[in-house]
Amino acid sequence: MEYIYAAMILHTTDKEINEENVKNIIEAAGAEADDARIKALIAALEDVDIDEAMETAAMAAAPAAAPAAAAPAEEEAEEEEEEESEEEAEEEAAAGLGALFG
Protein backbone atom coordinates (compact mmCIF):
# COMPACT_ATOMS: atom_id res chain seq x y z
CA MET A 1 0.00 0.00 0.00
CA GLU A 2 2.91 2.35 0.66
CA TYR A 3 3.80 2.24 -3.03
CA ILE A 4 0.32 3.45 -3.98
CA TYR A 5 0.55 6.20 -1.39
CA ALA A 6 3.92 7.24 -2.82
CA ALA A 7 2.37 7.49 -6.28
CA MET A 8 -0.53 9.51 -4.88
CA ILE A 9 1.88 11.91 -3.15
CA LEU A 10 3.83 12.38 -6.36
CA HIS A 11 0.64 12.94 -8.33
CA THR A 12 -0.74 15.42 -5.79
CA THR A 13 2.50 17.42 -5.81
CA ASP A 14 2.64 17.41 -9.62
CA LYS A 15 5.84 15.38 -9.66
CA GLU A 16 6.55 12.69 -12.23
CA ILE A 17 5.57 9.22 -11.09
CA ASN A 18 8.68 7.24 -11.97
CA GLU A 19 10.80 4.55 -10.34
CA GLU A 20 13.34 6.95 -8.85
CA ASN A 21 10.75 9.26 -7.28
CA VAL A 22 8.69 6.40 -5.83
CA LYS A 23 11.84 4.81 -4.41
CA ASN A 24 12.90 8.13 -2.85
CA ILE A 25 9.56 8.50 -1.06
CA ILE A 26 9.57 4.92 0.22
CA GLU A 27 13.13 5.27 1.52
CA ALA A 28 12.40 8.70 3.02
CA ALA A 29 9.63 7.06 5.03
CA GLY A 30 12.20 4.66 6.47
CA ALA A 31 11.12 1.59 4.54
CA GLU A 32 13.17 -0.60 2.23
CA ALA A 33 12.11 -0.13 -1.38
CA ASP A 34 11.43 -3.22 -3.49
CA ASP A 35 12.48 -2.46 -7.06
CA ALA A 36 10.23 -5.17 -8.51
CA ARG A 37 7.15 -3.76 -6.78
CA ILE A 38 8.06 -0.26 -7.91
CA LYS A 39 8.40 -1.41 -11.53
CA ALA A 40 5.07 -3.23 -11.30
CA LEU A 41 3.40 -0.10 -9.91
CA ILE A 42 4.79 2.12 -12.64
CA ALA A 43 3.65 -0.36 -15.30
CA ALA A 44 0.18 -0.64 -13.74
CA LEU A 45 -0.25 3.13 -13.66
CA GLU A 46 0.49 3.68 -17.35
CA ASP A 47 -3.17 3.65 -18.41
CA VAL A 48 -4.72 4.86 -15.15
CA ASP A 49 -6.29 8.30 -14.72
CA ILE A 50 -5.20 8.86 -11.13
CA ASP A 51 -7.52 11.83 -10.58
CA GLU A 52 -10.49 9.70 -11.62
CA ALA A 53 -9.35 6.77 -9.47
CA MET A 54 -8.94 8.96 -6.39
CA GLU A 55 -12.31 10.60 -6.99
CA THR A 56 -14.02 7.21 -7.40
CA ALA A 57 -12.46 5.93 -4.17
CA ALA A 58 -13.49 9.08 -2.29
CA MET A 59 -17.08 8.78 -3.51
CA ALA A 60 -17.19 5.13 -2.47
CA ALA A 61 -15.98 5.97 1.03
CA ALA A 62 -18.18 9.06 1.54
CA PRO A 63 -21.58 7.30 1.83
CA ALA A 64 -20.17 4.93 4.44
CA ALA A 65 -18.98 7.81 6.60
CA ALA A 66 -22.16 9.92 6.36
CA PRO A 67 -24.54 7.60 8.27
CA ALA A 68 -22.05 7.20 11.11
CA ALA A 69 -21.76 10.95 11.56
CA ALA A 70 -25.53 11.46 11.52
CA ALA A 71 -26.59 8.45 13.60
CA PRO A 72 -27.24 9.05 17.31
CA ALA A 73 -25.65 6.64 19.77
CA GLU A 74 -28.68 4.62 20.88
CA GLU A 75 -27.78 1.01 21.52
CA GLU A 76 -24.44 -0.74 21.58
CA ALA A 77 -25.64 -3.44 19.18
CA GLU A 78 -26.66 -0.87 16.58
CA GLU A 79 -23.32 0.91 16.92
CA GLU A 80 -21.40 -2.31 16.42
CA GLU A 81 -23.45 -3.16 13.35
CA GLU A 82 -22.81 0.30 11.86
CA GLU A 83 -19.08 0.03 12.57
CA GLU A 84 -18.92 -3.33 10.83
CA SER A 85 -20.74 -1.87 7.80
CA GLU A 86 -18.35 1.07 7.69
CA GLU A 87 -15.32 -1.18 7.95
CA GLU A 88 -16.62 -3.36 5.13
CA ALA A 89 -17.28 -0.31 2.94
CA GLU A 90 -13.81 1.07 3.65
CA GLU A 91 -12.23 -2.27 2.86
CA GLU A 92 -14.19 -2.50 -0.40
CA ALA A 93 -13.16 1.03 -1.36
CA ALA A 94 -9.52 0.31 -0.54
CA ALA A 95 -9.64 -2.94 -2.48
CA GLY A 96 -11.12 -1.15 -5.48
CA LEU A 97 -8.44 1.52 -5.37
CA GLY A 98 -5.75 -1.12 -4.97
CA ALA A 99 -7.07 -2.96 -8.02
CA LEU A 100 -6.80 0.22 -10.05
CA PHE A 101 -3.16 0.65 -9.14
CA GLY A 102 -2.12 -2.97 -9.46
PDB file of N, CA and C in Angstrom:
ATOM      1  N   MET A   1       0.825  -1.190   0.000  1.00  0.00           N
ATOM      2  CA  MET A   1       0.000   0.000   0.000  1.00  0.00           C
ATOM      3  C   MET A   1       0.870   1.256   0.000  1.00  0.00           C
ATOM      4  N   GLU A   2       2.034   1.174   0.604  1.00  0.00           N
ATOM      5  CA  GLU A   2       2.908   2.347   0.658  1.00  0.00           C
ATOM      6  C   GLU A   2       3.337   2.803  -0.733  1.00  0.00           C
ATOM      7  N   TYR A   3       3.410   1.885  -1.671  1.00  0.00           N
ATOM      8  CA  TYR A   3       3.799   2.235  -3.033  1.00  0.00           C
ATOM      9  C   TYR A   3       2.690   3.059  -3.700  1.00  0.00           C
ATOM     10  N   ILE A   4       1.457   2.698  -3.446  1.00  0.00           N
ATOM     11  CA  ILE A   4       0.323   3.445  -3.976  1.00  0.00           C
ATOM     12  C   ILE A   4       0.287   4.836  -3.366  1.00  0.00           C
ATOM     13  N   TYR A   5       0.516   4.902  -2.054  1.00  0.00           N
ATOM     14  CA  TYR A   5       0.548   6.205  -1.391  1.00  0.00           C
ATOM     15  C   TYR A   5       1.659   7.075  -1.962  1.00  0.00           C
ATOM     16  N   ALA A   6       2.807   6.485  -2.221  1.00  0.00           N
ATOM     17  CA  ALA A   6       3.923   7.239  -2.815  1.00  0.00           C
ATOM     18  C   ALA A   6       3.503   7.812  -4.165  1.00  0.00           C
ATOM     19  N   ALA A   7       2.832   7.012  -4.979  1.00  0.00           N
ATOM     20  CA  ALA A   7       2.367   7.487  -6.280  1.00  0.00           C
ATOM     21  C   ALA A   7       1.335   8.601  -6.109  1.00  0.00           C
ATOM     22  N   MET A   8       0.458   8.471  -5.132  1.00  0.00           N
ATOM     23  CA  MET A   8      -0.534   9.510  -4.885  1.00  0.00           C
ATOM     24  C   MET A   8       0.124  10.808  -4.434  1.00  0.00           C
ATOM     25  N   ILE A   9       1.146  10.714  -3.596  1.00  0.00           N
ATOM     26  CA  ILE A   9       1.879  11.908  -3.151  1.00  0.00           C
ATOM     27  C   ILE A   9       2.534  12.591  -4.348  1.00  0.00           C
ATOM     28  N   LEU A  10       3.194  11.811  -5.181  1.00  0.00           N
ATOM     29  CA  LEU A  10       3.835  12.380  -6.359  1.00  0.00           C
ATOM     30  C   LEU A  10       2.807  13.048  -7.270  1.00  0.00           C
ATOM     31  N   HIS A  11       1.699  12.385  -7.470  1.00  0.00           N
ATOM     32  CA  HIS A  11       0.642  12.940  -8.329  1.00  0.00           C
ATOM     33  C   HIS A  11       0.102  14.248  -7.750  1.00  0.00           C
ATOM     34  N   THR A  12      -0.177  14.247  -6.457  1.00  0.00           N
ATOM     35  CA  THR A  12      -0.744  15.416  -5.794  1.00  0.00           C
ATOM     36  C   THR A  12       0.209  16.609  -5.831  1.00  0.00           C
ATOM     37  N   THR A  13       1.508  16.341  -5.787  1.00  0.00           N
ATOM     38  CA  THR A  13       2.501  17.416  -5.811  1.00  0.00           C
ATOM     39  C   THR A  13       2.988  17.725  -7.221  1.00  0.00           C
ATOM     40  N   ASP A  14       2.301  17.187  -8.213  1.00  0.00           N
ATOM     41  CA  ASP A  14       2.636  17.411  -9.623  1.00  0.00           C
ATOM     42  C   ASP A  14       4.062  16.995  -9.977  1.00  0.00           C
ATOM     43  N   LYS A  15       4.532  15.942  -9.349  1.00  0.00           N
ATOM     44  CA  LYS A  15       5.845  15.377  -9.663  1.00  0.00           C
ATOM     45  C   LYS A  15       5.630  14.159 -10.556  1.00  0.00           C
ATOM     46  N   GLU A  16       6.633  13.844 -11.349  1.00  0.00           N
ATOM     47  CA  GLU A  16       6.548  12.691 -12.232  1.00  0.00           C
ATOM     48  C   GLU A  16       6.541  11.395 -11.417  1.00  0.00           C
ATOM     49  N   ILE A  17       5.634  10.518 -11.758  1.00  0.00           N
ATOM     50  CA  ILE A  17       5.573   9.217 -11.094  1.00  0.00           C
ATOM     51  C   ILE A  17       6.490   8.285 -11.865  1.00  0.00           C
ATOM     52  N   ASN A  18       7.695   8.129 -11.346  1.00  0.00           N
ATOM     53  CA  ASN A  18       8.677   7.244 -11.967  1.00  0.00           C
ATOM     54  C   ASN A  18       9.369   6.432 -10.878  1.00  0.00           C
ATOM     55  N   GLU A  19      10.171   5.470 -11.284  1.00  0.00           N
ATOM     56  CA  GLU A  19      10.803   4.551 -10.338  1.00  0.00           C
ATOM     57  C   GLU A  19      11.653   5.289  -9.309  1.00  0.00           C
ATOM     58  N   GLU A  20      12.442   6.224  -9.758  1.00  0.00           N
ATOM     59  CA  GLU A  20      13.341   6.947  -8.850  1.00  0.00           C
ATOM     60  C   GLU A  20      12.568   7.735  -7.791  1.00  0.00           C
ATOM     61  N   ASN A  21      11.525   8.455  -8.224  1.00  0.00           N
ATOM     62  CA  ASN A  21      10.748   9.263  -7.283  1.00  0.00           C
ATOM     63  C   ASN A  21       9.985   8.403  -6.275  1.00  0.00           C
ATOM     64  N   VAL A  22       9.400   7.305  -6.740  1.00  0.00           N
ATOM     65  CA  VAL A  22       8.692   6.403  -5.826  1.00  0.00           C
ATOM     66  C   VAL A  22       9.678   5.828  -4.815  1.00  0.00           C
ATOM     67  N   LYS A  23      10.825   5.387  -5.296  1.00  0.00           N
ATOM     68  CA  LYS A  23      11.840   4.814  -4.412  1.00  0.00           C
ATOM     69  C   LYS A  23      12.294   5.836  -3.371  1.00  0.00           C
ATOM     70  N   ASN A  24      12.484   7.082  -3.784  1.00  0.00           N
ATOM     71  CA  ASN A  24      12.904   8.127  -2.850  1.00  0.00           C
ATOM     72  C   ASN A  24      11.882   8.344  -1.735  1.00  0.00           C
ATOM     73  N   ILE A  25      10.605   8.313  -2.084  1.00  0.00           N
ATOM     74  CA  ILE A  25       9.562   8.501  -1.064  1.00  0.00           C
ATOM     75  C   ILE A  25       9.537   7.321  -0.102  1.00  0.00           C
ATOM     76  N   ILE A  26       9.607   6.115  -0.631  1.00  0.00           N
ATOM     77  CA  ILE A  26       9.575   4.920   0.222  1.00  0.00           C
ATOM     78  C   ILE A  26      10.758   4.944   1.189  1.00  0.00           C
ATOM     79  N   GLU A  27      11.932   5.242   0.675  1.00  0.00           N
ATOM     80  CA  GLU A  27      13.126   5.272   1.520  1.00  0.00           C
ATOM     81  C   GLU A  27      13.089   6.435   2.511  1.00  0.00           C
ATOM     82  N   ALA A  28      12.524   7.561   2.113  1.00  0.00           N
ATOM     83  CA  ALA A  28      12.399   8.699   3.019  1.00  0.00           C
ATOM     84  C   ALA A  28      11.481   8.375   4.196  1.00  0.00           C
ATOM     85  N   ALA A  29      10.549   7.472   3.958  1.00  0.00           N
ATOM     86  CA  ALA A  29       9.633   7.056   5.027  1.00  0.00           C
ATOM     87  C   ALA A  29      10.280   6.030   5.957  1.00  0.00           C
ATOM     88  N   GLY A  30      11.497   5.604   5.613  1.00  0.00           N
ATOM     89  CA  GLY A  30      12.199   4.660   6.469  1.00  0.00           C
ATOM     90  C   GLY A  30      11.974   3.209   6.111  1.00  0.00           C
ATOM     91  N   ALA A  31      11.368   2.963   4.962  1.00  0.00           N
ATOM     92  CA  ALA A  31      11.121   1.586   4.537  1.00  0.00           C
ATOM     93  C   ALA A  31      12.143   1.200   3.464  1.00  0.00           C
ATOM     94  N   GLU A  32      12.283  -0.100   3.283  1.00  0.00           N
ATOM     95  CA  GLU A  32      13.174  -0.599   2.235  1.00  0.00           C
ATOM     96  C   GLU A  32      12.354  -0.736   0.949  1.00  0.00           C
ATOM     97  N   ALA A  33      12.829  -0.102  -0.111  1.00  0.00           N
ATOM     98  CA  ALA A  33      12.115  -0.128  -1.381  1.00  0.00           C
ATOM     99  C   ALA A  33      12.398  -1.421  -2.128  1.00  0.00           C
ATOM    100  N   ASP A  34      11.339  -2.004  -2.682  1.00  0.00           N
ATOM    101  CA  ASP A  34      11.434  -3.219  -3.486  1.00  0.00           C
ATOM    102  C   ASP A  34      11.328  -2.811  -4.957  1.00  0.00           C
ATOM    103  N   ASP A  35      12.437  -2.905  -5.670  1.00  0.00           N
ATOM    104  CA  ASP A  35      12.478  -2.455  -7.063  1.00  0.00           C
ATOM    105  C   ASP A  35      11.446  -3.159  -7.937  1.00  0.00           C
ATOM    106  N   ALA A  36      11.206  -4.424  -7.704  1.00  0.00           N
ATOM    107  CA  ALA A  36      10.232  -5.170  -8.506  1.00  0.00           C
ATOM    108  C   ALA A  36       8.818  -4.619  -8.296  1.00  0.00           C
ATOM    109  N   ARG A  37       8.478  -4.307  -7.066  1.00  0.00           N
ATOM    110  CA  ARG A  37       7.149  -3.758  -6.782  1.00  0.00           C
ATOM    111  C   ARG A  37       7.000  -2.363  -7.371  1.00  0.00           C
ATOM    112  N   ILE A  38       8.100  -1.603  -7.343  1.00  0.00           N
ATOM    113  CA  ILE A  38       8.057  -0.259  -7.914  1.00  0.00           C
ATOM    114  C   ILE A  38       7.840  -0.345  -9.425  1.00  0.00           C
ATOM    115  N   LYS A  39       8.565  -1.235 -10.080  1.00  0.00           N
ATOM    116  CA  LYS A  39       8.403  -1.409 -11.530  1.00  0.00           C
ATOM    117  C   LYS A  39       6.984  -1.857 -11.866  1.00  0.00           C
ATOM    118  N   ALA A  40       6.434  -2.760 -11.068  1.00  0.00           N
ATOM    119  CA  ALA A  40       5.073  -3.231 -11.296  1.00  0.00           C
ATOM    120  C   ALA A  40       4.068  -2.084 -11.126  1.00  0.00           C
ATOM    121  N   LEU A  41       4.282  -1.246 -10.132  1.00  0.00           N
ATOM    122  CA  LEU A  41       3.399  -0.103  -9.906  1.00  0.00           C
ATOM    123  C   LEU A  41       3.446   0.854 -11.086  1.00  0.00           C
ATOM    124  N   ILE A  42       4.638   1.195 -11.520  1.00  0.00           N
ATOM    125  CA  ILE A  42       4.788   2.124 -12.642  1.00  0.00           C
ATOM    126  C   ILE A  42       4.108   1.554 -13.889  1.00  0.00           C
ATOM    127  N   ALA A  43       4.286   0.286 -14.140  1.00  0.00           N
ATOM    128  CA  ALA A  43       3.655  -0.355 -15.297  1.00  0.00           C
ATOM    129  C   ALA A  43       2.128  -0.343 -15.166  1.00  0.00           C
ATOM    130  N   ALA A  44       1.628  -0.597 -13.962  1.00  0.00           N
ATOM    131  CA  ALA A  44       0.180  -0.636 -13.744  1.00  0.00           C
ATOM    132  C   ALA A  44      -0.454   0.745 -13.882  1.00  0.00           C
ATOM    133  N   LEU A  45       0.303   1.785 -13.613  1.00  0.00           N
ATOM    134  CA  LEU A  45      -0.249   3.135 -13.655  1.00  0.00           C
ATOM    135  C   LEU A  45      -0.229   3.763 -15.045  1.00  0.00           C
ATOM    136  N   GLU A  46       0.358   3.097 -16.004  1.00  0.00           N
ATOM    137  CA  GLU A  46       0.491   3.677 -17.347  1.00  0.00           C
ATOM    138  C   GLU A  46      -0.841   4.123 -17.938  1.00  0.00           C
ATOM    139  N   ASP A  47      -1.875   3.342 -17.798  1.00  0.00           N
ATOM    140  CA  ASP A  47      -3.169   3.650 -18.414  1.00  0.00           C
ATOM    141  C   ASP A  47      -4.224   4.090 -17.389  1.00  0.00           C
ATOM    142  N   VAL A  48      -3.780   4.495 -16.202  1.00  0.00           N
ATOM    143  CA  VAL A  48      -4.723   4.859 -15.152  1.00  0.00           C
ATOM    144  C   VAL A  48      -4.817   6.381 -15.033  1.00  0.00           C
ATOM    145  N   ASP A  49      -6.043   6.886 -14.997  1.00  0.00           N
ATOM    146  CA  ASP A  49      -6.286   8.295 -14.716  1.00  0.00           C
ATOM    147  C   ASP A  49      -6.366   8.409 -13.193  1.00  0.00           C
ATOM    148  N   ILE A  50      -5.292   8.860 -12.585  1.00  0.00           N
ATOM    149  CA  ILE A  50      -5.196   8.864 -11.126  1.00  0.00           C
ATOM    150  C   ILE A  50      -6.238   9.785 -10.513  1.00  0.00           C
ATOM    151  N   ASP A  51      -6.489  10.934 -11.109  1.00  0.00           N
ATOM    152  CA  ASP A  51      -7.524  11.833 -10.584  1.00  0.00           C
ATOM    153  C   ASP A  51      -8.866  11.123 -10.514  1.00  0.00           C
ATOM    154  N   GLU A  52      -9.217  10.424 -11.575  1.00  0.00           N
ATOM    155  CA  GLU A  52     -10.490   9.697 -11.623  1.00  0.00           C
ATOM    156  C   GLU A  52     -10.520   8.577 -10.583  1.00  0.00           C
ATOM    157  N   ALA A  53      -9.415   7.865 -10.442  1.00  0.00           N
ATOM    158  CA  ALA A  53      -9.351   6.767  -9.472  1.00  0.00           C
ATOM    159  C   ALA A  53      -9.497   7.284  -8.049  1.00  0.00           C
ATOM    160  N   MET A  54      -8.843   8.394  -7.731  1.00  0.00           N
ATOM    161  CA  MET A  54      -8.938   8.961  -6.390  1.00  0.00           C
ATOM    162  C   MET A  54     -10.344   9.484  -6.124  1.00  0.00           C
ATOM    163  N   GLU A  55     -10.953  10.088  -7.129  1.00  0.00           N
ATOM    164  CA  GLU A  55     -12.313  10.597  -6.992  1.00  0.00           C
ATOM    165  C   GLU A  55     -13.310   9.457  -6.777  1.00  0.00           C
ATOM    166  N   THR A  56     -13.142   8.379  -7.535  1.00  0.00           N
ATOM    167  CA  THR A  56     -14.019   7.212  -7.400  1.00  0.00           C
ATOM    168  C   THR A  56     -13.894   6.606  -6.001  1.00  0.00           C
ATOM    169  N   ALA A  57     -12.671   6.494  -5.507  1.00  0.00           N
ATOM    170  CA  ALA A  57     -12.462   5.933  -4.169  1.00  0.00           C
ATOM    171  C   ALA A  57     -13.057   6.837  -3.100  1.00  0.00           C
ATOM    172  N   ALA A  58     -12.929   8.143  -3.266  1.00  0.00           N
ATOM    173  CA  ALA A  58     -13.487   9.084  -2.290  1.00  0.00           C
ATOM    174  C   ALA A  58     -15.013   9.009  -2.270  1.00  0.00           C
ATOM    175  N   MET A  59     -15.622   8.879  -3.448  1.00  0.00           N
ATOM    176  CA  MET A  59     -17.084   8.777  -3.511  1.00  0.00           C
ATOM    177  C   MET A  59     -17.563   7.477  -2.891  1.00  0.00           C
ATOM    178  N   ALA A  60     -16.800   6.421  -3.048  1.00  0.00           N
ATOM    179  CA  ALA A  60     -17.192   5.132  -2.473  1.00  0.00           C
ATOM    180  C   ALA A  60     -17.105   5.166  -0.956  1.00  0.00           C
ATOM    181  N   ALA A  61     -16.161   5.904  -0.417  1.00  0.00           N
ATOM    182  CA  ALA A  61     -15.979   5.966   1.030  1.00  0.00           C
ATOM    183  C   ALA A  61     -16.937   6.967   1.680  1.00  0.00           C
ATOM    184  N   ALA A  62     -17.341   8.006   0.980  1.00  0.00           N
ATOM    185  CA  ALA A  62     -18.185   9.061   1.544  1.00  0.00           C
ATOM    186  C   ALA A  62     -19.532   8.558   2.056  1.00  0.00           C
ATOM    187  N   PRO A  63     -20.291   7.756   1.312  1.00  0.00           N
ATOM    188  CA  PRO A  63     -21.583   7.300   1.827  1.00  0.00           C
ATOM    189  C   PRO A  63     -21.453   6.447   3.091  1.00  0.00           C
ATOM    190  N   ALA A  64     -20.366   5.752   3.244  1.00  0.00           N
ATOM    191  CA  ALA A  64     -20.174   4.930   4.435  1.00  0.00           C
ATOM    192  C   ALA A  64     -19.922   5.791   5.656  1.00  0.00           C
ATOM    193  N   ALA A  65     -19.297   6.934   5.475  1.00  0.00           N
ATOM    194  CA  ALA A  65     -18.981   7.808   6.604  1.00  0.00           C
ATOM    195  C   ALA A  65     -20.180   8.663   7.006  1.00  0.00           C
ATOM    196  N   ALA A  66     -21.037   9.042   6.073  1.00  0.00           N
ATOM    197  CA  ALA A  66     -22.157   9.924   6.357  1.00  0.00           C
ATOM    198  C   ALA A  66     -23.137   9.359   7.382  1.00  0.00           C
ATOM    199  N   PRO A  67     -23.596   8.109   7.273  1.00  0.00           N
ATOM    200  CA  PRO A  67     -24.540   7.598   8.269  1.00  0.00           C
ATOM    201  C   PRO A  67     -23.946   7.548   9.672  1.00  0.00           C
ATOM    202  N   ALA A  68     -22.682   7.275   9.790  1.00  0.00           N
ATOM    203  CA  ALA A  68     -22.053   7.195  11.109  1.00  0.00           C
ATOM    204  C   ALA A  68     -22.019   8.556  11.766  1.00  0.00           C
ATOM    205  N   ALA A  69     -21.810   9.600  11.004  1.00  0.00           N
ATOM    206  CA  ALA A  69     -21.756  10.947  11.559  1.00  0.00           C
ATOM    207  C   ALA A  69     -23.144  11.421  11.974  1.00  0.00           C
ATOM    208  N   ALA A  70     -24.180  11.005  11.251  1.00  0.00           N
ATOM    209  CA  ALA A  70     -25.535  11.462  11.521  1.00  0.00           C
ATOM    210  C   ALA A  70     -26.269  10.600  12.541  1.00  0.00           C
ATOM    211  N   ALA A  71     -25.853   9.381  12.738  1.00  0.00           N
ATOM    212  CA  ALA A  71     -26.586   8.454  13.605  1.00  0.00           C
ATOM    213  C   ALA A  71     -26.342   8.763  15.073  1.00  0.00           C
ATOM    214  N   PRO A  72     -27.420   8.853  15.868  1.00  0.00           N
ATOM    215  CA  PRO A  72     -27.235   9.047  17.308  1.00  0.00           C
ATOM    216  C   PRO A  72     -26.830   7.731  17.969  1.00  0.00           C
ATOM    217  N   ALA A  73     -26.101   7.843  19.049  1.00  0.00           N
ATOM    218  CA  ALA A  73     -25.647   6.644  19.767  1.00  0.00           C
ATOM    219  C   ALA A  73     -26.792   6.155  20.643  1.00  0.00           C
ATOM    220  N   GLU A  74     -27.525   5.130  20.147  1.00  0.00           N
ATOM    221  CA  GLU A  74     -28.677   4.621  20.877  1.00  0.00           C
ATOM    222  C   GLU A  74     -28.343   3.348  21.628  1.00  0.00           C
ATOM    223  N   GLU A  75     -28.062   2.287  20.906  1.00  0.00           N
ATOM    224  CA  GLU A  75     -27.781   1.006  21.524  1.00  0.00           C
ATOM    225  C   GLU A  75     -26.433   0.504  21.051  1.00  0.00           C
ATOM    226  N   GLU A  76     -25.756  -0.223  21.909  1.00  0.00           N
ATOM    227  CA  GLU A  76     -24.435  -0.738  21.577  1.00  0.00           C
ATOM    228  C   GLU A  76     -24.488  -1.692  20.382  1.00  0.00           C
ATOM    229  N   ALA A  77     -25.515  -2.490  20.285  1.00  0.00           N
ATOM    230  CA  ALA A  77     -25.642  -3.442  19.184  1.00  0.00           C
ATOM    231  C   ALA A  77     -25.750  -2.710  17.845  1.00  0.00           C
ATOM    232  N   GLU A  78     -26.527  -1.640  17.811  1.00  0.00           N
ATOM    233  CA  GLU A  78     -26.663  -0.868  16.576  1.00  0.00           C
ATOM    234  C   GLU A  78     -25.336  -0.225  16.193  1.00  0.00           C
ATOM    235  N   GLU A  79     -24.612   0.276  17.181  1.00  0.00           N
ATOM    236  CA  GLU A  79     -23.325   0.909  16.919  1.00  0.00           C
ATOM    237  C   GLU A  79     -22.334  -0.095  16.342  1.00  0.00           C
ATOM    238  N   GLU A  80     -22.304  -1.283  16.921  1.00  0.00           N
ATOM    239  CA  GLU A  80     -21.396  -2.312  16.423  1.00  0.00           C
ATOM    240  C   GLU A  80     -21.738  -2.691  14.985  1.00  0.00           C
ATOM    241  N   GLU A  81     -23.016  -2.797  14.700  1.00  0.00           N
ATOM    242  CA  GLU A  81     -23.449  -3.159  13.351  1.00  0.00           C
ATOM    243  C   GLU A  81     -23.043  -2.078  12.347  1.00  0.00           C
ATOM    244  N   GLU A  82     -23.200  -0.799  12.731  1.00  0.00           N
ATOM    245  CA  GLU A  82     -22.807   0.302  11.861  1.00  0.00           C
ATOM    246  C   GLU A  82     -21.294   0.299  11.641  1.00  0.00           C
ATOM    247  N   GLU A  83     -20.539   0.061  12.693  1.00  0.00           N
ATOM    248  CA  GLU A  83     -19.080   0.033  12.575  1.00  0.00           C
ATOM    249  C   GLU A  83     -18.629  -1.067  11.620  1.00  0.00           C
ATOM    250  N   GLU A  84     -19.263  -2.224  11.729  1.00  0.00           N
ATOM    251  CA  GLU A  84     -18.922  -3.327  10.825  1.00  0.00           C
ATOM    252  C   GLU A  84     -19.240  -2.957   9.376  1.00  0.00           C
ATOM    253  N   SER A  85     -20.373  -2.294   9.156  1.00  0.00           N
ATOM    254  CA  SER A  85     -20.743  -1.874   7.801  1.00  0.00           C
ATOM    255  C   SER A  85     -19.746  -0.864   7.263  1.00  0.00           C
ATOM    256  N   GLU A  86     -19.333   0.068   8.103  1.00  0.00           N
ATOM    257  CA  GLU A  86     -18.351   1.069   7.689  1.00  0.00           C
ATOM    258  C   GLU A  86     -17.013   0.415   7.343  1.00  0.00           C
ATOM    259  N   GLU A  87     -16.585  -0.498   8.198  1.00  0.00           N
ATOM    260  CA  GLU A  87     -15.320  -1.184   7.951  1.00  0.00           C
ATOM    261  C   GLU A  87     -15.361  -1.958   6.638  1.00  0.00           C
ATOM    262  N   GLU A  88     -16.478  -2.616   6.381  1.00  0.00           N
ATOM    263  CA  GLU A  88     -16.621  -3.362   5.129  1.00  0.00           C
ATOM    264  C   GLU A  88     -16.580  -2.420   3.932  1.00  0.00           C
ATOM    265  N   ALA A  89     -17.268  -1.280   4.038  1.00  0.00           N
ATOM    266  CA  ALA A  89     -17.284  -0.311   2.940  1.00  0.00           C
ATOM    267  C   ALA A  89     -15.892   0.257   2.703  1.00  0.00           C
ATOM    268  N   GLU A  90     -15.176   0.550   3.779  1.00  0.00           N
ATOM    269  CA  GLU A  90     -13.815   1.068   3.645  1.00  0.00           C
ATOM    270  C   GLU A  90     -12.894   0.033   3.016  1.00  0.00           C
ATOM    271  N   GLU A  91     -13.047  -1.214   3.432  1.00  0.00           N
ATOM    272  CA  GLU A  91     -12.225  -2.275   2.858  1.00  0.00           C
ATOM    273  C   GLU A  91     -12.529  -2.456   1.368  1.00  0.00           C
ATOM    274  N   GLU A  92     -13.814  -2.376   1.008  1.00  0.00           N
ATOM    275  CA  GLU A  92     -14.185  -2.499  -0.395  1.00  0.00           C
ATOM    276  C   GLU A  92     -13.625  -1.347  -1.213  1.00  0.00           C
ATOM    277  N   ALA A  93     -13.700  -0.139  -0.657  1.00  0.00           N
ATOM    278  CA  ALA A  93     -13.157   1.030  -1.363  1.00  0.00           C
ATOM    279  C   ALA A  93     -11.651   0.904  -1.523  1.00  0.00           C
ATOM    280  N   ALA A  94     -10.976   0.473  -0.471  1.00  0.00           N
ATOM    281  CA  ALA A  94      -9.519   0.307  -0.543  1.00  0.00           C
ATOM    282  C   ALA A  94      -9.156  -0.785  -1.533  1.00  0.00           C
ATOM    283  N   ALA A  95      -9.922  -1.858  -1.545  1.00  0.00           N
ATOM    284  CA  ALA A  95      -9.640  -2.943  -2.477  1.00  0.00           C
ATOM    285  C   ALA A  95      -9.845  -2.481  -3.913  1.00  0.00           C
ATOM    286  N   GLY A  96     -10.864  -1.683  -4.141  1.00  0.00           N
ATOM    287  CA  GLY A  96     -11.121  -1.155  -5.479  1.00  0.00           C
ATOM    288  C   GLY A  96     -10.009  -0.234  -5.932  1.00  0.00           C
ATOM    289  N   LEU A  97      -9.544   0.621  -5.031  1.00  0.00           N
ATOM    290  CA  LEU A  97      -8.439   1.522  -5.368  1.00  0.00           C
ATOM    291  C   LEU A  97      -7.166   0.735  -5.610  1.00  0.00           C
ATOM    292  N   GLY A  98      -6.933  -0.284  -4.783  1.00  0.00           N
ATOM    293  CA  GLY A  98      -5.745  -1.117  -4.967  1.00  0.00           C
ATOM    294  C   GLY A  98      -5.770  -1.824  -6.307  1.00  0.00           C
ATOM    295  N   ALA A  99      -6.948  -2.265  -6.727  1.00  0.00           N
ATOM    296  CA  ALA A  99      -7.067  -2.955  -8.021  1.00  0.00           C
ATOM    297  C   ALA A  99      -6.751  -2.014  -9.166  1.00  0.00           C
ATOM    298  N   LEU A 100      -7.098  -0.749  -9.001  1.00  0.00           N
ATOM    299  CA  LEU A 100      -6.795   0.219 -10.054  1.00  0.00           C
ATOM    300  C   LEU A 100      -5.304   0.450 -10.212  1.00  0.00           C
ATOM    301  N   PHE A 101      -4.588   0.367  -9.110  1.00  0.00           N
ATOM    302  CA  PHE A 101      -3.163   0.653  -9.139  1.00  0.00           C
ATOM    303  C   PHE A 101      -2.310  -0.586  -9.263  1.00  0.00           C
ATOM    304  N   GLY A 102      -2.883  -1.736  -9.253  1.00  0.00           N
ATOM    305  CA  GLY A 102      -2.119  -2.966  -9.458  1.00  0.00           C
ATOM    306  C   GLY A 102      -1.680  -3.628  -8.217  1.00  0.00           C
TER     307      GLY A 102
END
